[in-house]
Amino acid sequence: EKAVGSSARIEKPLPTTRCPKPKLVGSNTFNTMAIDCPGFLAAAAFPLSIFAAGAPFWEQMDFGGVGTLYMGLFLRCTSVNGWSCNSMVDSQDPAYINAVRAFTILTVLISFVGLVLEVKARSNERFTQHAVASFAIAGFCSLIAFATWAGESPIDAKYFSGSFYIQILVTVLLFVSAWLVHRRGRGGYSAI
């Protein structure tokens, strides 16, 4: 029986999205673990953020075939008759370089925390929103890092190099991971 004047609302479940299940070969203990998109994307973003922070490839300048100068957040390298690298950390560095260093390190640390929380969220939904927040905050830190470098660097953008673009990729991966973990927490995403 329907009550007169009641407005019963029927909610449709969100469609589920599945990511392709990786094929693991051999008798690996990981065969029993569920690997899903947010975990995979965030797990890819973490080492990429470490690489972007440590590699000397934020800017690259060619000196007319004589050699190339590669600059990163912590290293400056030249390739003239072989590789030569030295530390770029100096108390006289411009403030924007220190800001980019800080936000890149925060990206690495917070994305690691997000990975741990995402793994915990698989067994306890209480951690889901904490993982979402961690990935989103890490994504914003990464966004601030590459935007600051792009806006403040005196070098023309055509000289930006691999680590700069990897930092952009890390930002995208972290934001997509946050969205997918949030969606899975609402029941609209099904882990494999």
N, C-alpha and C. Protein backbone atom coordinates (compact mmCIF):
# COMPACT_ATOMS: atom_id res chain seq x y z
N GLU A 1 0.83 -1.17 0.00
CA GLU A 1 0.00 0.00 0.00
C GLU A 1 0.88 1.24 0.00
N LYS A 2 0.44 2.23 -0.75
CA LYS A 2 1.16 3.50 -0.79
C LYS A 2 0.43 4.50 0.07
N ALA A 3 1.18 5.21 0.82
CA ALA A 3 0.58 6.25 1.65
C ALA A 3 0.20 7.42 0.77
N VAL A 4 -0.94 7.98 1.04
CA VAL A 4 -1.43 9.11 0.26
C VAL A 4 -0.57 10.33 0.59
N GLY A 5 -0.13 11.01 -0.45
CA GLY A 5 0.65 12.23 -0.27
C GLY A 5 2.12 12.01 0.03
N SER A 6 2.58 10.77 0.09
CA SER A 6 4.00 10.55 0.36
C SER A 6 4.77 10.65 -0.95
N SER A 7 5.93 11.14 -0.85
CA SER A 7 6.76 11.24 -2.06
C SER A 7 7.96 10.31 -1.87
N ALA A 8 7.72 9.07 -2.17
CA ALA A 8 8.80 8.08 -2.07
C ALA A 8 9.74 8.29 -3.25
N ARG A 9 10.99 8.41 -2.95
CA ARG A 9 11.98 8.65 -3.99
C ARG A 9 12.82 7.39 -4.15
N ILE A 10 12.90 6.91 -5.34
CA ILE A 10 13.70 5.72 -5.62
C ILE A 10 15.02 6.19 -6.19
N GLU A 11 16.11 5.83 -5.51
CA GLU A 11 17.42 6.22 -5.99
C GLU A 11 18.01 5.09 -6.80
N LYS A 12 18.55 5.45 -7.93
CA LYS A 12 19.22 4.47 -8.79
C LYS A 12 20.66 4.32 -8.32
N PRO A 13 21.17 3.11 -8.32
CA PRO A 13 22.58 2.95 -7.95
C PRO A 13 23.47 3.53 -9.04
N LEU A 14 24.63 4.04 -8.62
CA LEU A 14 25.58 4.57 -9.58
C LEU A 14 26.13 3.43 -10.42
N PRO A 15 26.42 3.68 -11.69
CA PRO A 15 26.99 2.61 -12.50
C PRO A 15 28.39 2.25 -12.00
N THR A 16 28.72 0.99 -12.10
CA THR A 16 30.04 0.56 -11.65
C THR A 16 31.01 0.62 -12.81
N THR A 17 32.24 0.93 -12.49
CA THR A 17 33.29 1.00 -13.49
C THR A 17 34.37 0.01 -13.07
N ARG A 18 34.83 -0.76 -13.99
CA ARG A 18 35.90 -1.71 -13.70
C ARG A 18 37.15 -1.36 -14.49
N CYS A 19 38.27 -1.49 -13.84
CA CYS A 19 39.54 -1.31 -14.52
C CYS A 19 40.04 -2.69 -14.93
N PRO A 20 40.84 -2.75 -15.96
CA PRO A 20 41.34 -4.07 -16.35
C PRO A 20 42.18 -4.69 -15.26
N LYS A 21 41.97 -5.96 -15.02
CA LYS A 21 42.73 -6.67 -14.00
C LYS A 21 44.09 -7.04 -14.56
N PRO A 22 45.17 -6.67 -13.85
CA PRO A 22 46.49 -7.02 -14.36
C PRO A 22 46.70 -8.52 -14.28
N LYS A 23 47.39 -9.03 -15.27
CA LYS A 23 47.70 -10.46 -15.31
C LYS A 23 49.03 -10.66 -14.60
N LEU A 24 48.99 -11.36 -13.49
CA LEU A 24 50.20 -11.64 -12.75
C LEU A 24 50.64 -13.06 -13.05
N VAL A 25 51.91 -13.23 -13.36
CA VAL A 25 52.42 -14.52 -13.78
C VAL A 25 53.15 -15.19 -12.63
N GLY A 26 53.02 -16.48 -12.54
CA GLY A 26 53.74 -17.23 -11.53
C GLY A 26 52.99 -17.31 -10.22
N SER A 27 53.63 -17.94 -9.25
CA SER A 27 52.99 -18.09 -7.95
C SER A 27 53.41 -16.91 -7.08
N ASN A 28 52.80 -15.80 -7.30
CA ASN A 28 53.11 -14.58 -6.58
C ASN A 28 52.07 -14.37 -5.48
N THR A 29 52.50 -13.95 -4.32
CA THR A 29 51.54 -13.72 -3.24
C THR A 29 50.60 -12.57 -3.55
N PHE A 30 50.97 -11.73 -4.50
CA PHE A 30 50.11 -10.62 -4.87
C PHE A 30 48.93 -11.06 -5.73
N ASN A 31 48.92 -12.31 -6.18
CA ASN A 31 47.81 -12.79 -6.99
C ASN A 31 46.48 -12.70 -6.26
N THR A 32 46.51 -12.76 -4.95
CA THR A 32 45.26 -12.73 -4.19
C THR A 32 44.83 -11.31 -3.83
N MET A 33 45.69 -10.34 -4.06
CA MET A 33 45.36 -8.96 -3.70
C MET A 33 44.54 -8.32 -4.81
N ALA A 34 43.60 -7.49 -4.42
CA ALA A 34 42.81 -6.74 -5.39
C ALA A 34 43.59 -5.49 -5.77
N ILE A 35 43.87 -5.35 -7.06
CA ILE A 35 44.55 -4.16 -7.55
C ILE A 35 43.53 -3.39 -8.36
N ASP A 36 43.29 -2.13 -7.97
CA ASP A 36 42.29 -1.36 -8.67
C ASP A 36 42.88 -0.05 -9.17
N CYS A 37 42.09 0.67 -9.91
CA CYS A 37 42.57 1.89 -10.55
C CYS A 37 43.15 2.93 -9.60
N PRO A 38 42.43 3.33 -8.53
CA PRO A 38 43.03 4.37 -7.69
C PRO A 38 44.34 3.93 -7.07
N GLY A 39 44.42 2.69 -6.64
CA GLY A 39 45.66 2.19 -6.07
C GLY A 39 46.78 2.17 -7.09
N PHE A 40 46.46 1.74 -8.31
CA PHE A 40 47.47 1.68 -9.36
C PHE A 40 47.94 3.08 -9.75
N LEU A 41 47.01 4.00 -9.94
CA LEU A 41 47.37 5.36 -10.35
C LEU A 41 48.19 6.07 -9.27
N ALA A 42 47.76 5.93 -8.02
CA ALA A 42 48.49 6.56 -6.93
C ALA A 42 49.86 5.90 -6.74
N ALA A 43 49.91 4.58 -6.92
CA ALA A 43 51.18 3.88 -6.80
C ALA A 43 52.13 4.29 -7.93
N ALA A 44 51.60 4.67 -9.07
CA ALA A 44 52.44 5.17 -10.16
C ALA A 44 52.88 6.61 -9.89
N ALA A 45 52.00 7.41 -9.28
CA ALA A 45 52.32 8.82 -9.01
C ALA A 45 53.43 8.95 -7.98
N PHE A 46 53.46 8.04 -7.00
CA PHE A 46 54.44 8.16 -5.91
C PHE A 46 55.89 8.09 -6.41
N PRO A 47 56.30 7.03 -7.14
CA PRO A 47 57.71 7.02 -7.59
C PRO A 47 57.99 8.10 -8.65
N LEU A 48 56.98 8.45 -9.43
CA LEU A 48 57.19 9.53 -10.40
C LEU A 48 57.46 10.85 -9.69
N SER A 49 56.78 11.09 -8.57
CA SER A 49 57.02 12.33 -7.82
C SER A 49 58.41 12.33 -7.20
N ILE A 50 58.88 11.17 -6.77
CA ILE A 50 60.25 11.08 -6.25
C ILE A 50 61.26 11.37 -7.35
N PHE A 51 61.02 10.79 -8.53
CA PHE A 51 61.91 11.03 -9.67
C PHE A 51 61.93 12.51 -10.05
N ALA A 52 60.74 13.11 -10.12
CA ALA A 52 60.66 14.53 -10.50
C ALA A 52 61.39 15.41 -9.50
N ALA A 53 61.32 15.06 -8.22
CA ALA A 53 62.00 15.86 -7.19
C ALA A 53 63.51 15.73 -7.28
N GLY A 54 63.99 14.52 -7.57
CA GLY A 54 65.43 14.29 -7.50
C GLY A 54 66.19 14.41 -8.80
N ALA A 55 65.54 14.26 -9.93
CA ALA A 55 66.25 14.28 -11.21
C ALA A 55 66.55 15.72 -11.66
N PRO A 56 67.67 15.91 -12.32
CA PRO A 56 68.04 17.27 -12.74
C PRO A 56 67.46 17.64 -14.11
N PHE A 57 66.19 17.39 -14.31
CA PHE A 57 65.62 17.62 -15.64
C PHE A 57 64.40 18.54 -15.62
N TRP A 58 64.43 19.60 -14.81
CA TRP A 58 63.33 20.57 -14.83
C TRP A 58 63.55 21.56 -15.97
N GLU A 59 64.81 21.90 -16.24
CA GLU A 59 65.14 22.79 -17.35
C GLU A 59 66.37 22.23 -18.06
N GLN A 60 66.43 22.52 -19.35
CA GLN A 60 67.54 22.03 -20.17
C GLN A 60 67.92 23.13 -21.14
N MET A 61 69.19 23.45 -21.20
CA MET A 61 69.67 24.47 -22.12
C MET A 61 70.85 23.92 -22.91
N ASP A 62 70.74 23.99 -24.22
CA ASP A 62 71.80 23.51 -25.11
C ASP A 62 72.71 24.68 -25.46
N PHE A 63 74.01 24.45 -25.41
CA PHE A 63 74.98 25.49 -25.72
C PHE A 63 75.62 25.25 -27.08
N GLY A 64 74.81 25.30 -28.11
CA GLY A 64 75.30 25.22 -29.49
C GLY A 64 76.15 24.01 -29.81
N GLY A 65 75.77 22.86 -29.34
CA GLY A 65 76.51 21.64 -29.65
C GLY A 65 77.72 21.41 -28.77
N VAL A 66 78.11 22.40 -27.96
CA VAL A 66 79.26 22.25 -27.08
C VAL A 66 78.89 21.40 -25.87
N GLY A 67 77.69 21.59 -25.35
CA GLY A 67 77.25 20.85 -24.18
C GLY A 67 75.83 21.26 -23.81
N THR A 68 75.31 20.61 -22.81
CA THR A 68 73.97 20.88 -22.35
C THR A 68 73.98 21.03 -20.84
N LEU A 69 73.22 22.01 -20.36
CA LEU A 69 73.07 22.23 -18.93
C LEU A 69 71.69 21.72 -18.53
N TYR A 70 71.63 20.85 -17.52
CA TYR A 70 70.38 20.33 -16.98
C TYR A 70 70.23 20.84 -15.56
N MET A 71 69.09 21.46 -15.28
CA MET A 71 68.87 21.97 -13.94
C MET A 71 67.66 21.31 -13.32
N GLY A 72 67.80 20.93 -12.06
CA GLY A 72 66.70 20.35 -11.31
C GLY A 72 66.50 21.12 -10.02
N LEU A 73 65.74 20.54 -9.12
CA LEU A 73 65.49 21.20 -7.85
C LEU A 73 66.69 21.13 -6.92
N PHE A 74 67.46 20.05 -7.04
CA PHE A 74 68.58 19.85 -6.12
C PHE A 74 69.92 19.65 -6.82
N LEU A 75 69.91 19.43 -8.13
CA LEU A 75 71.14 19.17 -8.88
C LEU A 75 71.22 20.04 -10.12
N ARG A 76 72.46 20.35 -10.49
CA ARG A 76 72.75 21.01 -11.76
C ARG A 76 73.81 20.16 -12.45
N CYS A 77 73.52 19.72 -13.65
CA CYS A 77 74.43 18.83 -14.36
C CYS A 77 74.78 19.41 -15.72
N THR A 78 75.99 19.11 -16.18
CA THR A 78 76.41 19.49 -17.52
C THR A 78 76.88 18.24 -18.25
N SER A 79 76.66 18.25 -19.54
CA SER A 79 77.14 17.13 -20.36
C SER A 79 78.12 17.67 -21.39
N VAL A 80 79.30 18.02 -20.91
CA VAL A 80 80.39 18.44 -21.77
C VAL A 80 81.50 17.42 -21.55
N ASN A 81 81.79 16.62 -22.55
CA ASN A 81 82.78 15.54 -22.41
C ASN A 81 82.46 14.65 -21.22
N GLY A 82 81.22 14.22 -21.11
CA GLY A 82 80.77 13.39 -20.00
C GLY A 82 79.86 14.18 -19.08
N TRP A 83 79.34 13.48 -18.09
CA TRP A 83 78.40 14.10 -17.15
C TRP A 83 79.14 14.63 -15.94
N SER A 84 78.74 15.80 -15.48
CA SER A 84 79.27 16.38 -14.26
C SER A 84 78.11 17.02 -13.51
N CYS A 85 77.86 16.58 -12.28
CA CYS A 85 76.74 17.11 -11.49
C CYS A 85 77.25 17.68 -10.19
N ASN A 86 76.61 18.74 -9.74
CA ASN A 86 76.90 19.28 -8.42
C ASN A 86 75.59 19.74 -7.78
N SER A 87 75.65 19.88 -6.48
CA SER A 87 74.46 20.27 -5.72
C SER A 87 74.04 21.69 -6.08
N MET A 88 72.74 21.88 -6.20
CA MET A 88 72.23 23.19 -6.53
C MET A 88 71.66 23.88 -5.30
N VAL A 89 71.65 23.20 -4.17
CA VAL A 89 71.09 23.79 -2.96
C VAL A 89 72.06 24.84 -2.43
N ASP A 90 71.54 26.06 -2.32
CA ASP A 90 72.37 27.18 -1.89
C ASP A 90 71.48 28.14 -1.11
N SER A 91 72.04 28.78 -0.13
CA SER A 91 71.25 29.73 0.66
C SER A 91 70.88 30.97 -0.16
N GLN A 92 71.53 31.16 -1.28
CA GLN A 92 71.26 32.32 -2.13
C GLN A 92 70.24 32.01 -3.23
N ASP A 93 69.65 30.82 -3.20
CA ASP A 93 68.67 30.46 -4.23
C ASP A 93 67.46 31.37 -4.16
N PRO A 94 66.86 31.65 -5.32
CA PRO A 94 65.63 32.46 -5.31
C PRO A 94 64.53 31.76 -4.50
N ALA A 95 63.64 32.54 -3.96
CA ALA A 95 62.57 32.00 -3.10
C ALA A 95 61.68 31.02 -3.84
N TYR A 96 61.46 31.24 -5.14
CA TYR A 96 60.56 30.34 -5.86
C TYR A 96 61.14 28.93 -5.95
N ILE A 97 62.46 28.80 -6.04
CA ILE A 97 63.05 27.45 -6.10
C ILE A 97 62.84 26.73 -4.77
N ASN A 98 63.01 27.44 -3.66
CA ASN A 98 62.76 26.83 -2.36
C ASN A 98 61.29 26.46 -2.19
N ALA A 99 60.39 27.28 -2.71
CA ALA A 99 58.96 26.97 -2.64
C ALA A 99 58.64 25.72 -3.45
N VAL A 100 59.21 25.62 -4.64
CA VAL A 100 58.97 24.43 -5.48
C VAL A 100 59.53 23.19 -4.80
N ARG A 101 60.71 23.31 -4.21
CA ARG A 101 61.29 22.18 -3.47
C ARG A 101 60.34 21.73 -2.35
N ALA A 102 59.86 22.70 -1.58
CA ALA A 102 58.99 22.37 -0.44
C ALA A 102 57.71 21.70 -0.91
N PHE A 103 57.06 22.24 -1.92
CA PHE A 103 55.81 21.65 -2.38
C PHE A 103 56.02 20.30 -3.06
N THR A 104 57.17 20.11 -3.68
CA THR A 104 57.45 18.80 -4.28
C THR A 104 57.70 17.76 -3.20
N ILE A 105 58.41 18.12 -2.16
CA ILE A 105 58.63 17.19 -1.04
C ILE A 105 57.30 16.89 -0.35
N LEU A 106 56.45 17.91 -0.17
CA LEU A 106 55.12 17.66 0.40
C LEU A 106 54.31 16.72 -0.47
N THR A 107 54.43 16.86 -1.79
CA THR A 107 53.74 15.94 -2.70
C THR A 107 54.15 14.51 -2.45
N VAL A 108 55.45 14.28 -2.33
CA VAL A 108 55.96 12.92 -2.10
C VAL A 108 55.44 12.37 -0.77
N LEU A 109 55.56 13.15 0.29
CA LEU A 109 55.16 12.67 1.62
C LEU A 109 53.66 12.44 1.73
N ILE A 110 52.86 13.38 1.25
CA ILE A 110 51.41 13.26 1.38
C ILE A 110 50.86 12.17 0.47
N SER A 111 51.47 11.99 -0.71
CA SER A 111 50.99 10.91 -1.58
C SER A 111 51.31 9.55 -0.97
N PHE A 112 52.42 9.45 -0.23
CA PHE A 112 52.72 8.19 0.47
C PHE A 112 51.68 7.92 1.55
N VAL A 113 51.33 8.96 2.31
CA VAL A 113 50.29 8.82 3.34
C VAL A 113 48.97 8.40 2.68
N GLY A 114 48.66 9.00 1.54
CA GLY A 114 47.45 8.64 0.81
C GLY A 114 47.45 7.19 0.37
N LEU A 115 48.61 6.70 -0.07
CA LEU A 115 48.71 5.28 -0.46
C LEU A 115 48.42 4.36 0.72
N VAL A 116 48.99 4.68 1.86
CA VAL A 116 48.75 3.86 3.06
C VAL A 116 47.27 3.89 3.44
N LEU A 117 46.68 5.08 3.40
CA LEU A 117 45.26 5.21 3.75
C LEU A 117 44.36 4.52 2.72
N GLU A 118 44.76 4.54 1.46
CA GLU A 118 43.97 3.88 0.42
C GLU A 118 43.97 2.37 0.62
N VAL A 119 45.11 1.82 1.02
CA VAL A 119 45.17 0.39 1.30
C VAL A 119 44.30 0.05 2.51
N LYS A 120 44.33 0.90 3.54
CA LYS A 120 43.49 0.68 4.72
C LYS A 120 42.01 0.84 4.38
N ALA A 121 41.70 1.72 3.43
CA ALA A 121 40.31 1.98 3.07
C ALA A 121 39.66 0.77 2.39
N ARG A 122 40.47 -0.12 1.87
CA ARG A 122 39.92 -1.32 1.24
C ARG A 122 39.24 -2.22 2.26
N SER A 123 39.76 -2.22 3.48
CA SER A 123 39.17 -3.07 4.52
C SER A 123 38.33 -2.28 5.53
N ASN A 124 38.50 -0.98 5.57
CA ASN A 124 37.76 -0.16 6.52
C ASN A 124 37.38 1.15 5.83
N GLU A 125 36.10 1.31 5.54
CA GLU A 125 35.64 2.48 4.79
C GLU A 125 35.88 3.79 5.52
N ARG A 126 36.16 3.71 6.79
CA ARG A 126 36.42 4.91 7.57
C ARG A 126 37.60 5.70 7.01
N PHE A 127 38.55 5.03 6.37
CA PHE A 127 39.75 5.67 5.85
C PHE A 127 39.57 6.22 4.44
N THR A 128 38.43 5.98 3.82
CA THR A 128 38.23 6.38 2.42
C THR A 128 38.38 7.89 2.24
N GLN A 129 37.66 8.66 3.02
CA GLN A 129 37.72 10.11 2.85
C GLN A 129 39.08 10.69 3.23
N HIS A 130 39.79 10.02 4.14
CA HIS A 130 41.14 10.46 4.48
C HIS A 130 42.08 10.23 3.29
N ALA A 131 41.91 9.10 2.61
CA ALA A 131 42.72 8.83 1.42
C ALA A 131 42.40 9.84 0.32
N VAL A 132 41.11 10.14 0.14
CA VAL A 132 40.70 11.13 -0.87
C VAL A 132 41.35 12.48 -0.56
N ALA A 133 41.26 12.89 0.69
CA ALA A 133 41.85 14.18 1.08
C ALA A 133 43.36 14.19 0.87
N SER A 134 44.03 13.09 1.20
CA SER A 134 45.48 13.01 1.03
C SER A 134 45.87 13.14 -0.44
N PHE A 135 45.18 12.41 -1.30
CA PHE A 135 45.51 12.49 -2.74
C PHE A 135 45.20 13.88 -3.29
N ALA A 136 44.09 14.47 -2.86
CA ALA A 136 43.74 15.80 -3.35
C ALA A 136 44.74 16.85 -2.87
N ILE A 137 45.15 16.78 -1.61
CA ILE A 137 46.13 17.73 -1.08
C ILE A 137 47.48 17.55 -1.77
N ALA A 138 47.89 16.30 -1.96
CA ALA A 138 49.14 16.04 -2.68
C ALA A 138 49.06 16.57 -4.10
N GLY A 139 47.90 16.41 -4.74
CA GLY A 139 47.71 16.93 -6.09
C GLY A 139 47.82 18.45 -6.12
N PHE A 140 47.24 19.13 -5.12
CA PHE A 140 47.36 20.59 -5.06
C PHE A 140 48.80 21.02 -4.80
N CYS A 141 49.52 20.29 -3.96
CA CYS A 141 50.93 20.61 -3.72
C CYS A 141 51.74 20.48 -5.01
N SER A 142 51.46 19.42 -5.76
CA SER A 142 52.14 19.22 -7.03
C SER A 142 51.78 20.31 -8.04
N LEU A 143 50.51 20.68 -8.06
CA LEU A 143 50.05 21.76 -8.95
C LEU A 143 50.76 23.07 -8.61
N ILE A 144 50.85 23.38 -7.33
CA ILE A 144 51.53 24.61 -6.91
C ILE A 144 53.00 24.56 -7.30
N ALA A 145 53.63 23.38 -7.17
CA ALA A 145 55.05 23.24 -7.49
C ALA A 145 55.31 23.54 -8.97
N PHE A 146 54.60 22.86 -9.87
CA PHE A 146 54.91 23.10 -11.28
C PHE A 146 54.41 24.45 -11.76
N ALA A 147 53.31 24.96 -11.20
CA ALA A 147 52.82 26.28 -11.60
C ALA A 147 53.78 27.38 -11.14
N THR A 148 54.34 27.22 -9.94
CA THR A 148 55.31 28.20 -9.44
C THR A 148 56.55 28.20 -10.31
N TRP A 149 57.03 27.00 -10.67
CA TRP A 149 58.22 26.92 -11.53
C TRP A 149 57.94 27.57 -12.88
N ALA A 150 56.79 27.27 -13.45
CA ALA A 150 56.45 27.82 -14.76
C ALA A 150 56.27 29.33 -14.70
N GLY A 151 55.70 29.84 -13.63
CA GLY A 151 55.44 31.27 -13.53
C GLY A 151 56.64 32.10 -13.12
N GLU A 152 57.53 31.54 -12.34
CA GLU A 152 58.63 32.32 -11.78
C GLU A 152 59.98 32.09 -12.45
N SER A 153 60.13 31.00 -13.16
CA SER A 153 61.43 30.70 -13.77
C SER A 153 61.77 31.75 -14.82
N PRO A 154 62.99 32.27 -14.79
CA PRO A 154 63.37 33.27 -15.79
C PRO A 154 63.65 32.65 -17.16
N ILE A 155 63.68 31.34 -17.21
CA ILE A 155 63.97 30.62 -18.44
C ILE A 155 62.69 30.49 -19.26
N ASP A 156 62.81 30.60 -20.57
CA ASP A 156 61.68 30.45 -21.47
C ASP A 156 61.12 29.03 -21.37
N ALA A 157 59.80 28.90 -21.50
CA ALA A 157 59.13 27.60 -21.33
C ALA A 157 59.62 26.55 -22.31
N LYS A 158 60.18 26.94 -23.43
CA LYS A 158 60.66 25.93 -24.38
C LYS A 158 61.84 25.13 -23.84
N TYR A 159 62.44 25.61 -22.74
CA TYR A 159 63.55 24.89 -22.14
C TYR A 159 63.13 23.98 -20.99
N PHE A 160 61.85 23.96 -20.66
CA PHE A 160 61.40 23.04 -19.62
C PHE A 160 61.63 21.62 -20.10
N SER A 161 61.95 20.75 -19.16
CA SER A 161 62.36 19.40 -19.55
C SER A 161 61.52 18.35 -18.82
N GLY A 162 61.97 17.10 -18.88
CA GLY A 162 61.22 15.94 -18.44
C GLY A 162 60.62 15.98 -17.05
N SER A 163 61.39 16.37 -16.04
CA SER A 163 60.88 16.35 -14.67
C SER A 163 59.72 17.32 -14.49
N PHE A 164 59.77 18.44 -15.19
CA PHE A 164 58.67 19.40 -15.12
C PHE A 164 57.39 18.76 -15.64
N TYR A 165 57.48 18.07 -16.76
CA TYR A 165 56.29 17.44 -17.34
C TYR A 165 55.85 16.22 -16.54
N ILE A 166 56.79 15.54 -15.92
CA ILE A 166 56.43 14.43 -15.03
C ILE A 166 55.65 14.96 -13.83
N GLN A 167 56.04 16.14 -13.34
CA GLN A 167 55.31 16.74 -12.21
C GLN A 167 53.86 17.05 -12.61
N ILE A 168 53.65 17.47 -13.84
CA ILE A 168 52.28 17.70 -14.33
C ILE A 168 51.52 16.38 -14.36
N LEU A 169 52.17 15.31 -14.83
CA LEU A 169 51.54 13.99 -14.86
C LEU A 169 51.19 13.52 -13.45
N VAL A 170 52.08 13.74 -12.50
CA VAL A 170 51.83 13.37 -11.11
C VAL A 170 50.58 14.08 -10.59
N THR A 171 50.45 15.35 -10.93
CA THR A 171 49.27 16.12 -10.51
C THR A 171 47.99 15.48 -11.02
N VAL A 172 47.98 15.15 -12.30
CA VAL A 172 46.79 14.54 -12.91
C VAL A 172 46.50 13.19 -12.26
N LEU A 173 47.53 12.36 -12.07
CA LEU A 173 47.33 11.03 -11.47
C LEU A 173 46.77 11.14 -10.06
N LEU A 174 47.26 12.09 -9.28
CA LEU A 174 46.78 12.24 -7.91
C LEU A 174 45.33 12.72 -7.86
N PHE A 175 44.97 13.67 -8.72
CA PHE A 175 43.58 14.14 -8.74
C PHE A 175 42.63 13.04 -9.21
N VAL A 176 43.03 12.28 -10.22
CA VAL A 176 42.18 11.17 -10.70
C VAL A 176 42.07 10.10 -9.62
N SER A 177 43.17 9.81 -8.92
CA SER A 177 43.11 8.84 -7.82
C SER A 177 42.15 9.29 -6.73
N ALA A 178 42.20 10.58 -6.38
CA ALA A 178 41.29 11.10 -5.35
C ALA A 178 39.84 10.94 -5.80
N TRP A 179 39.58 11.25 -7.05
CA TRP A 179 38.21 11.14 -7.56
C TRP A 179 37.74 9.69 -7.57
N LEU A 180 38.61 8.76 -8.00
CA LEU A 180 38.21 7.36 -8.05
C LEU A 180 38.03 6.75 -6.66
N VAL A 181 38.88 7.11 -5.71
CA VAL A 181 38.70 6.61 -4.35
C VAL A 181 37.40 7.15 -3.77
N HIS A 182 37.12 8.42 -4.03
CA HIS A 182 35.86 9.01 -3.55
C HIS A 182 34.67 8.30 -4.18
N ARG A 183 34.75 8.05 -5.45
CA ARG A 183 33.65 7.38 -6.15
C ARG A 183 33.46 5.96 -5.64
N ARG A 184 34.56 5.26 -5.41
CA ARG A 184 34.46 3.90 -4.87
C ARG A 184 33.83 3.92 -3.48
N GLY A 185 34.17 4.94 -2.68
CA GLY A 185 33.61 5.06 -1.34
C GLY A 185 32.12 5.31 -1.35
N ARG A 186 31.61 5.90 -2.42
CA ARG A 186 30.17 6.15 -2.53
C ARG A 186 29.44 4.95 -3.13
N GLY A 187 30.16 3.91 -3.48
CA GLY A 187 29.53 2.71 -4.02
C GLY A 187 29.41 2.72 -5.53
N GLY A 188 29.96 3.72 -6.20
CA GLY A 188 29.83 3.80 -7.64
C GLY A 188 31.00 3.21 -8.39
N TYR A 189 31.95 2.67 -7.67
CA TYR A 189 33.13 2.10 -8.30
C TYR A 189 33.38 0.75 -7.65
N SER A 190 33.64 -0.21 -8.44
CA SER A 190 33.86 -1.56 -7.93
C SER A 190 35.30 -1.99 -8.16
N ALA A 191 36.01 -2.26 -7.10
CA ALA A 191 37.37 -2.77 -7.23
C ALA A 191 37.33 -4.19 -7.76
N ILE A 192 38.37 -4.58 -8.42
CA ILE A 192 38.43 -5.92 -9.00
C ILE A 192 38.76 -6.92 -7.92
